[in-house]
Amino acid sequence: MTAIPQLLADLVRLPSVNPMGRTVESPLFYEDRVTDYLEQFFRRIGVPYERQSVLPQRSNIVARYEPAEPTCTILWEVHQDTVPVDAMTIDPFGGIIDKGKLYGRGACDVKGSMSAMLFALERLARERPAKSARVILACTVDEEHTFLGVQHLMNAGLRADFAIIAEPTSLDIVDAHKGVIRWKVETHGRACHSSRPEDGVNAIYHMGRVLSVIERYASELRASRSMPRLGSPTLSVGRIEGGVSVNTVPDVSRIEIDRRLLPGEVPADAHRHFAEFLKSAPELSGIDYTVQPPWLSCPALTSDGSDELTRRLGVAIDSVKGKHSVRAVPFGTDASTIRIGGIPAVVFGPGDIAQAHTCNEWIDLNEVEESAEILYRLAVTSASK
């Protein structure tokens, strides 16, 4: 049986960087190296699996453990991709262990959880307890950018009684989180030589005026309402680009917008409300701009229907850790897509979200070990509840 530190080091040393919309190719991009590793792992432990092609070099892989007497089906879902490695201060693919921590891109988000799930699945396949839940382990692609992997998974008709979605929660249970919708805004101008800027129309200047309106909108949105567990809806401009050279007046500028949704908010309505606010702003009169359609939409996760799963998982956590909490978080996960597909879902895993995406990403190996034990106990005890 492969030890958890070795599993995690193997996974971290395999680049699976999500390009996040970048057009320049890199040998670090895409999840196929991890998918190949997982296929070999499932073959070795003797569980059936299938690969689901989502995009070139990007495939979900779904393994199934079938006990002799299954009384329920639990889905364990974990994503294979990581964010890019720009500005990291450590070897992103080193998998170095120091003082009980393993370092590298994806160690916390979310290959620590993946190694825990793999270890627990291997233990089930090896020990074959007389009764346990049927376990489906789905390793999906593209969670960090557009959620295509989990959408493909659910569109393929996957069914289960409960779902555990892997994200760093410090071994607590997350039963609610915000949703997200993202889109671009463009301003349009007319290019000319920078020595005669009066002959052109500067799209970046126009974007500056648009940004001022968006900043006001974001402030009003945040103050508009609040929920006790999740706070307020938010909007942020996370990326800007424009121009081709310093000596050319730019004819186009683009920004990317991230809008976080509360439960009950309809993504399309949030997009439309934003567009109407800009349209009504007098300072944008005469500005040539376009609000593009959303390129990502993920609803919020609510706790509806997850009480029994929360109870069962809580019992398993307490048997290992002694205590746990149930909380809501502002970030989004694959859980909401799975919940909309009819499967009660919560988010759970080792590691602290504060370490995700950082320049020296790491995870505490002891938490990964505890996570594997919790998942195993959940599978075994769920059959008798």
Protein backbone atom coordinates (compact mmCIF):
# COMPACT_ATOMS: atom_id res chain seq x y z
CA MET A 1 0.00 0.00 0.00
CA THR A 2 1.48 3.32 -1.07
CA ALA A 3 2.09 5.70 1.85
CA ILE A 4 0.29 9.04 1.75
CA PRO A 5 3.46 11.18 1.64
CA GLN A 6 4.64 9.25 -1.42
CA LEU A 7 1.24 9.53 -3.12
CA LEU A 8 1.13 13.26 -2.54
CA ALA A 9 4.73 13.81 -3.63
CA ASP A 10 4.05 11.85 -6.82
CA LEU A 11 1.01 13.99 -7.60
CA VAL A 12 2.70 17.32 -6.86
CA ARG A 13 5.65 16.38 -9.08
CA LEU A 14 3.28 15.96 -12.03
CA PRO A 15 2.39 19.41 -13.44
CA SER A 16 -1.34 19.84 -14.06
CA VAL A 17 -1.54 23.60 -14.47
CA ASN A 18 -4.79 25.08 -15.71
CA PRO A 19 -3.95 27.62 -18.45
CA MET A 20 -6.74 29.87 -17.09
CA GLY A 21 -7.50 31.23 -20.54
CA ARG A 22 -3.89 31.88 -21.56
CA THR A 23 -3.26 31.44 -25.27
CA VAL A 24 0.50 30.80 -25.05
CA GLU A 25 1.11 27.07 -24.68
CA SER A 26 3.30 25.62 -21.95
CA PRO A 27 4.52 22.06 -21.25
CA LEU A 28 3.13 22.53 -17.72
CA PHE A 29 -0.46 22.89 -18.93
CA TYR A 30 -3.29 20.37 -18.65
CA GLU A 31 -4.09 17.41 -16.45
CA ASP A 32 -3.18 14.41 -18.63
CA ARG A 33 -0.04 13.49 -16.65
CA VAL A 34 -2.05 13.21 -13.44
CA THR A 35 -4.84 11.33 -15.23
CA ASP A 36 -2.32 8.76 -16.53
CA TYR A 37 -0.93 8.32 -13.01
CA LEU A 38 -4.43 7.80 -11.63
CA GLU A 39 -5.24 5.24 -14.31
CA GLN A 40 -2.15 3.22 -13.35
CA PHE A 41 -3.09 3.53 -9.67
CA PHE A 42 -6.63 2.23 -10.21
CA ARG A 43 -5.32 -0.66 -12.29
CA ARG A 44 -2.87 -1.59 -9.56
CA ILE A 45 -5.48 -1.69 -6.79
CA GLY A 46 -7.93 -3.55 -8.99
CA VAL A 47 -10.91 -1.17 -9.16
CA PRO A 48 -12.80 -0.50 -12.39
CA TYR A 49 -12.53 2.97 -13.88
CA GLU A 50 -13.40 5.00 -16.94
CA ARG A 51 -11.87 8.05 -18.58
CA GLN A 52 -14.19 10.79 -19.81
CA SER A 53 -12.64 13.00 -22.47
CA VAL A 54 -13.59 16.62 -21.81
CA LEU A 55 -11.04 18.48 -23.97
CA PRO A 56 -7.72 17.52 -25.62
CA GLN A 57 -5.27 16.42 -22.86
CA ARG A 58 -8.04 16.91 -20.30
CA SER A 59 -10.03 13.90 -19.11
CA ASN A 60 -12.03 13.11 -16.02
CA ILE A 61 -11.30 9.70 -14.56
CA VAL A 62 -13.93 7.90 -12.47
CA ALA A 63 -13.19 4.82 -10.34
CA ARG A 64 -15.75 2.68 -8.52
CA TYR A 65 -15.41 0.53 -5.42
CA GLU A 66 -18.19 -2.06 -5.21
CA PRO A 67 -18.56 -3.81 -1.82
CA ALA A 68 -20.30 -7.14 -1.35
CA GLU A 69 -23.26 -5.51 0.43
CA PRO A 70 -23.57 -1.84 -0.54
CA THR A 71 -26.33 0.06 1.23
CA CYS A 72 -25.62 3.55 -0.12
CA THR A 73 -23.44 5.27 -2.68
CA ILE A 74 -21.00 8.05 -1.80
CA LEU A 75 -19.29 10.20 -4.41
CA TRP A 76 -15.83 11.53 -3.59
CA GLU A 77 -15.02 14.32 -6.09
CA VAL A 78 -11.64 16.02 -6.43
CA HIS A 79 -10.15 18.18 -9.19
CA GLN A 80 -6.86 17.38 -10.92
CA ASP A 81 -5.87 20.89 -12.01
CA THR A 82 -3.92 23.60 -10.19
CA VAL A 83 -3.53 27.32 -10.68
CA PRO A 84 -0.39 28.60 -12.48
CA VAL A 85 3.01 28.75 -10.79
CA ASP A 86 3.96 32.37 -11.53
CA ALA A 87 5.86 34.11 -8.70
CA MET A 88 6.28 30.96 -6.62
CA THR A 89 9.30 31.14 -4.32
CA ILE A 90 9.77 27.37 -4.04
CA ASP A 91 10.13 24.59 -6.60
CA PRO A 92 6.48 24.22 -7.59
CA PHE A 93 6.93 20.57 -8.50
CA GLY A 94 9.51 19.57 -5.91
CA GLY A 95 7.22 17.77 -3.50
CA ILE A 96 9.74 18.47 -0.74
CA ILE A 97 8.87 17.36 2.81
CA ASP A 98 10.14 19.46 5.70
CA LYS A 99 9.02 19.30 9.34
CA GLY A 100 5.84 17.41 8.55
CA LYS A 101 4.78 19.66 5.66
CA LEU A 102 4.85 18.88 1.95
CA TYR A 103 5.52 21.82 -0.37
CA GLY A 104 4.54 22.43 -3.98
CA ARG A 105 1.83 23.71 -6.30
CA GLY A 106 -1.40 21.87 -5.58
CA ALA A 107 -0.19 20.37 -2.29
CA CYS A 108 -3.02 22.16 -0.48
CA ASP A 109 -5.38 22.81 -3.41
CA VAL A 110 -6.12 20.05 -3.83
CA LYS A 111 -3.72 17.12 -4.25
CA GLY A 112 -3.54 16.61 -0.49
CA SER A 113 -7.23 15.70 -0.57
CA MET A 114 -6.69 13.59 -3.67
CA SER A 115 -3.98 11.52 -1.99
CA ALA A 116 -6.25 11.02 1.05
CA MET A 117 -9.09 9.80 -1.17
CA LEU A 118 -6.76 7.49 -3.10
CA PHE A 119 -5.36 6.03 0.13
CA ALA A 120 -8.86 5.46 1.56
CA LEU A 121 -10.05 3.86 -1.68
CA GLU A 122 -7.03 1.56 -1.79
CA ARG A 123 -7.69 0.54 1.81
CA LEU A 124 -11.31 -0.32 0.99
CA ALA A 125 -10.21 -2.37 -2.02
CA ARG A 126 -7.58 -4.21 0.03
CA GLU A 127 -9.52 -4.86 3.25
CA ARG A 128 -12.95 -5.29 1.66
CA PRO A 129 -15.04 -4.81 4.80
CA ALA A 130 -18.17 -6.95 4.92
CA LYS A 131 -20.39 -3.92 4.63
CA SER A 132 -19.56 -0.47 3.37
CA ALA A 133 -20.85 2.22 1.12
CA ARG A 134 -20.27 1.96 -2.59
CA VAL A 135 -17.66 4.64 -3.34
CA ILE A 136 -17.29 6.51 -6.62
CA LEU A 137 -14.07 8.52 -6.86
CA ALA A 138 -14.33 11.13 -9.60
CA CYS A 139 -11.18 13.10 -10.45
CA THR A 140 -12.25 16.00 -12.65
CA VAL A 141 -10.56 18.65 -14.78
CA ASP A 142 -10.81 22.42 -15.12
CA GLU A 143 -12.19 23.31 -11.69
CA GLU A 144 -9.91 26.33 -11.36
CA HIS A 145 -11.24 28.10 -14.45
CA THR A 146 -14.59 27.11 -15.99
CA PHE A 147 -15.85 23.97 -14.16
CA LEU A 148 -16.07 22.00 -17.42
CA GLY A 149 -15.01 18.73 -15.79
CA VAL A 150 -17.73 18.55 -13.17
CA GLN A 151 -20.35 19.72 -15.68
CA HIS A 152 -19.32 16.86 -17.99
CA LEU A 153 -19.43 14.45 -15.05
CA MET A 154 -22.98 15.36 -14.12
CA ASN A 155 -24.18 15.50 -17.72
CA ALA A 156 -22.97 11.90 -18.09
CA GLY A 157 -25.68 10.89 -15.62
CA LEU A 158 -23.68 10.13 -12.49
CA ARG A 159 -25.87 9.31 -9.48
CA ALA A 160 -25.08 8.92 -5.78
CA ASP A 161 -26.78 9.33 -2.41
CA PHE A 162 -24.20 11.80 -1.05
CA ALA A 163 -21.12 13.64 -2.25
CA ILE A 164 -17.93 14.83 -0.56
CA ILE A 165 -16.17 17.52 -2.60
CA ALA A 166 -12.48 17.93 -1.86
CA GLU A 167 -11.20 21.39 -0.97
CA PRO A 168 -9.02 22.64 1.91
CA THR A 169 -11.41 23.12 4.87
CA SER A 170 -9.05 22.29 7.77
CA LEU A 171 -11.09 19.08 8.21
CA ASP A 172 -14.26 21.05 8.97
CA ILE A 173 -17.49 20.70 6.99
CA VAL A 174 -18.52 23.39 4.52
CA ASP A 175 -22.22 23.11 3.71
CA ALA A 176 -22.73 26.47 1.94
CA HIS A 177 -20.74 28.80 -0.26
CA LYS A 178 -21.19 31.64 -2.70
CA GLY A 179 -21.63 31.18 -6.41
CA VAL A 180 -19.69 32.97 -9.11
CA ILE A 181 -20.27 34.42 -12.57
CA ARG A 182 -17.53 35.98 -14.72
CA TRP A 183 -17.55 38.07 -17.86
CA LYS A 184 -15.50 40.62 -19.81
CA VAL A 185 -16.08 44.27 -20.64
CA GLU A 186 -14.40 45.93 -23.65
CA THR A 187 -13.95 49.55 -24.57
CA HIS A 188 -13.35 50.46 -28.20
CA GLY A 189 -11.38 53.32 -29.67
CA ARG A 190 -9.36 54.19 -32.76
CA ALA A 191 -5.65 53.46 -33.10
CA CYS A 192 -3.11 55.98 -34.32
CA HIS A 193 0.53 56.94 -33.82
CA SER A 194 1.21 58.19 -30.30
CA SER A 195 2.94 61.30 -31.66
CA ARG A 196 -0.50 62.52 -32.79
CA PRO A 197 -2.89 61.13 -30.13
CA GLU A 198 -5.56 63.63 -31.16
CA ASP A 199 -6.02 61.60 -34.36
CA GLY A 200 -7.19 58.56 -32.40
CA VAL A 201 -9.52 57.54 -29.59
CA ASN A 202 -7.79 56.01 -26.56
CA ALA A 203 -9.66 52.90 -25.41
CA ILE A 204 -7.66 52.77 -22.16
CA TYR A 205 -8.80 56.30 -21.20
CA HIS A 206 -12.36 55.17 -21.86
CA MET A 207 -11.83 52.08 -19.72
CA GLY A 208 -10.71 54.33 -16.89
CA ARG A 209 -14.13 56.01 -16.92
CA VAL A 210 -15.86 52.63 -17.05
CA LEU A 211 -13.81 51.40 -14.09
CA SER A 212 -14.87 54.40 -12.02
CA VAL A 213 -18.52 53.47 -12.57
CA ILE A 214 -17.85 49.80 -11.81
CA GLU A 215 -16.13 50.73 -8.55
CA ARG A 216 -19.25 52.64 -7.51
CA TYR A 217 -21.44 49.71 -8.54
CA ALA A 218 -19.35 47.26 -6.50
CA SER A 219 -19.65 49.45 -3.42
CA GLU A 220 -23.42 49.76 -3.76
CA LEU A 221 -23.77 46.03 -4.40
CA ARG A 222 -21.84 45.15 -1.25
CA ALA A 223 -24.05 47.46 0.82
CA SER A 224 -27.31 46.27 -0.75
CA ARG A 225 -27.91 43.16 1.40
CA SER A 226 -26.22 40.55 3.53
CA MET A 227 -26.77 37.00 4.77
CA PRO A 228 -25.73 35.89 8.26
CA ARG A 229 -23.43 33.06 7.13
CA LEU A 230 -22.19 34.30 3.76
CA GLY A 231 -22.13 38.07 4.00
CA SER A 232 -22.76 40.29 0.98
CA PRO A 233 -22.63 39.82 -2.78
CA THR A 234 -19.41 41.18 -4.24
CA LEU A 235 -17.91 42.25 -7.54
CA SER A 236 -14.23 42.61 -8.39
CA VAL A 237 -12.24 43.54 -11.49
CA GLY A 238 -9.39 41.03 -11.53
CA ARG A 239 -7.63 41.60 -14.84
CA ILE A 240 -7.06 44.40 -17.35
CA GLU A 241 -5.32 44.54 -20.70
CA GLY A 242 -5.07 46.91 -23.64
CA GLY A 243 -2.78 48.30 -26.29
CA VAL A 244 -0.14 46.80 -28.54
CA SER A 245 2.81 49.15 -27.98
CA VAL A 246 3.73 52.27 -26.06
CA ASN A 247 3.84 54.35 -29.23
CA THR A 248 0.36 53.36 -30.45
CA VAL A 249 -2.88 54.82 -29.14
CA PRO A 250 -4.87 51.70 -28.15
CA ASP A 251 -8.08 50.86 -29.95
CA VAL A 252 -9.29 48.27 -27.42
CA SER A 253 -9.07 47.59 -23.69
CA ARG A 254 -10.53 44.63 -21.77
CA ILE A 255 -11.25 43.81 -18.17
CA GLU A 256 -12.44 40.59 -16.53
CA ILE A 257 -15.07 40.73 -13.82
CA ASP A 258 -15.70 38.30 -10.97
CA ARG A 259 -19.15 38.51 -9.37
CA ARG A 260 -19.85 36.42 -6.24
CA LEU A 261 -23.45 35.32 -5.80
CA LEU A 262 -25.54 34.67 -2.69
CA PRO A 263 -27.99 31.74 -2.56
CA GLY A 264 -31.12 32.67 -4.46
CA GLU A 265 -29.36 34.99 -6.89
CA VAL A 266 -29.80 34.05 -10.54
CA PRO A 267 -26.49 34.42 -12.42
CA ALA A 268 -28.14 35.83 -15.55
CA ASP A 269 -29.97 38.43 -13.46
CA ALA A 270 -26.69 39.53 -11.84
CA HIS A 271 -25.11 40.01 -15.26
CA ARG A 272 -28.13 41.92 -16.58
CA HIS A 273 -28.31 44.19 -13.52
CA PHE A 274 -24.65 45.15 -14.00
CA ALA A 275 -25.17 45.96 -17.68
CA GLU A 276 -28.20 48.11 -16.87
CA PHE A 277 -26.26 50.04 -14.22
CA LEU A 278 -23.53 50.90 -16.72
CA LYS A 279 -26.11 51.86 -19.32
CA SER A 280 -27.75 54.28 -16.90
CA ALA A 281 -24.48 55.99 -15.87
CA PRO A 282 -24.39 59.50 -17.42
CA GLU A 283 -20.59 59.64 -17.36
CA LEU A 284 -20.46 56.78 -19.86
CA SER A 285 -22.51 58.64 -22.44
CA GLY A 286 -20.61 58.53 -25.69
CA ILE A 287 -18.24 55.75 -24.52
CA ASP A 288 -18.11 52.81 -26.93
CA TYR A 289 -18.09 49.73 -24.70
CA THR A 290 -19.42 46.16 -24.75
CA VAL A 291 -20.51 43.96 -21.84
CA GLN A 292 -19.79 40.48 -23.11
CA PRO A 293 -21.82 37.37 -22.23
CA PRO A 294 -20.63 35.39 -19.20
CA TRP A 295 -17.93 32.81 -19.82
CA LEU A 296 -18.39 31.09 -16.45
CA SER A 297 -21.42 30.60 -14.26
CA CYS A 298 -21.57 28.57 -11.07
CA PRO A 299 -24.45 28.86 -8.58
CA ALA A 300 -24.18 29.09 -4.82
CA LEU A 301 -24.23 26.00 -2.62
CA THR A 302 -26.91 25.80 0.06
CA SER A 303 -27.25 23.39 2.95
CA ASP A 304 -30.64 22.17 1.69
CA GLY A 305 -30.78 18.38 1.78
CA SER A 306 -27.34 17.87 3.30
CA ASP A 307 -28.31 17.44 6.98
CA GLU A 308 -27.90 13.67 7.03
CA LEU A 309 -24.59 13.79 5.18
CA THR A 310 -23.34 16.51 7.53
CA ARG A 311 -24.32 14.37 10.51
CA ARG A 312 -22.59 11.24 9.21
CA LEU A 313 -19.44 13.04 8.19
CA GLY A 314 -19.40 14.89 11.51
CA VAL A 315 -19.48 11.60 13.41
CA ALA A 316 -16.53 10.32 11.36
CA ILE A 317 -14.54 13.52 11.92
CA ASP A 318 -15.20 13.49 15.67
CA SER A 319 -14.09 9.86 15.94
CA VAL A 320 -10.68 10.93 14.58
CA LYS A 321 -10.26 14.57 15.66
CA GLY A 322 -12.62 14.86 18.60
CA LYS A 323 -14.52 17.89 17.24
CA HIS A 324 -15.43 19.79 14.11
CA SER A 325 -17.37 22.82 12.93
CA VAL A 326 -19.87 23.35 10.13
CA ARG A 327 -19.40 26.62 8.26
CA ALA A 328 -19.97 28.60 5.10
CA VAL A 329 -17.24 30.06 2.87
CA PRO A 330 -17.09 32.80 0.20
CA PHE A 331 -15.27 30.78 -2.47
CA GLY A 332 -16.93 28.49 -5.02
CA THR A 333 -16.45 24.76 -5.63
CA ASP A 334 -17.72 21.88 -7.74
CA ALA A 335 -20.19 21.09 -4.95
CA SER A 336 -22.91 23.43 -6.20
CA THR A 337 -22.96 21.82 -9.65
CA ILE A 338 -23.22 18.38 -8.06
CA ARG A 339 -25.97 19.57 -5.72
CA ILE A 340 -27.97 20.99 -8.63
CA GLY A 341 -27.58 17.56 -10.23
CA GLY A 342 -29.61 16.11 -7.37
CA ILE A 343 -26.87 14.84 -5.04
CA PRO A 344 -26.61 16.31 -1.51
CA ALA A 345 -23.07 17.64 -1.24
CA VAL A 346 -20.67 19.16 1.28
CA VAL A 347 -17.07 20.31 0.99
CA PHE A 348 -14.35 18.69 3.10
CA GLY A 349 -10.61 18.20 3.09
CA PRO A 350 -7.23 18.75 4.73
CA GLY A 351 -5.33 22.01 4.53
CA ASP A 352 -6.17 25.67 5.07
CA ILE A 353 -7.56 27.73 2.18
CA ALA A 354 -5.13 30.47 3.26
CA GLN A 355 -2.32 28.30 1.86
CA ALA A 356 -4.02 27.66 -1.50
CA HIS A 357 -2.54 29.44 -4.54
CA THR A 358 0.32 30.90 -2.47
CA CYS A 359 3.97 31.41 -3.44
CA ASN A 360 5.11 28.64 -1.07
CA GLU A 361 2.05 26.38 -1.03
CA TRP A 362 2.19 23.55 1.51
CA ILE A 363 0.05 21.15 3.51
CA ASP A 364 0.37 19.45 6.89
CA LEU A 365 0.81 15.73 6.24
CA ASN A 366 -0.82 14.84 9.53
CA GLU A 367 -4.07 16.44 8.33
CA VAL A 368 -3.88 14.44 5.11
CA GLU A 369 -3.50 11.24 7.14
CA GLU A 370 -6.47 12.19 9.31
CA SER A 371 -8.55 12.98 6.24
CA ALA A 372 -7.92 9.51 4.80
CA GLU A 373 -8.99 7.89 8.07
CA ILE A 374 -12.15 10.02 8.23
CA LEU A 375 -13.13 9.14 4.67
CA TYR A 376 -12.57 5.44 5.33
CA ARG A 377 -14.66 5.50 8.50
CA LEU A 378 -17.44 7.39 6.71
CA ALA A 379 -17.56 4.73 4.01
CA VAL A 380 -17.63 1.85 6.49
CA THR A 381 -20.07 3.31 9.02
CA SER A 382 -22.46 4.83 6.46
CA ALA A 383 -23.59 1.35 5.46
CA SER A 384 -25.01 0.65 8.90
CA LYS A 385 -26.80 3.96 9.56
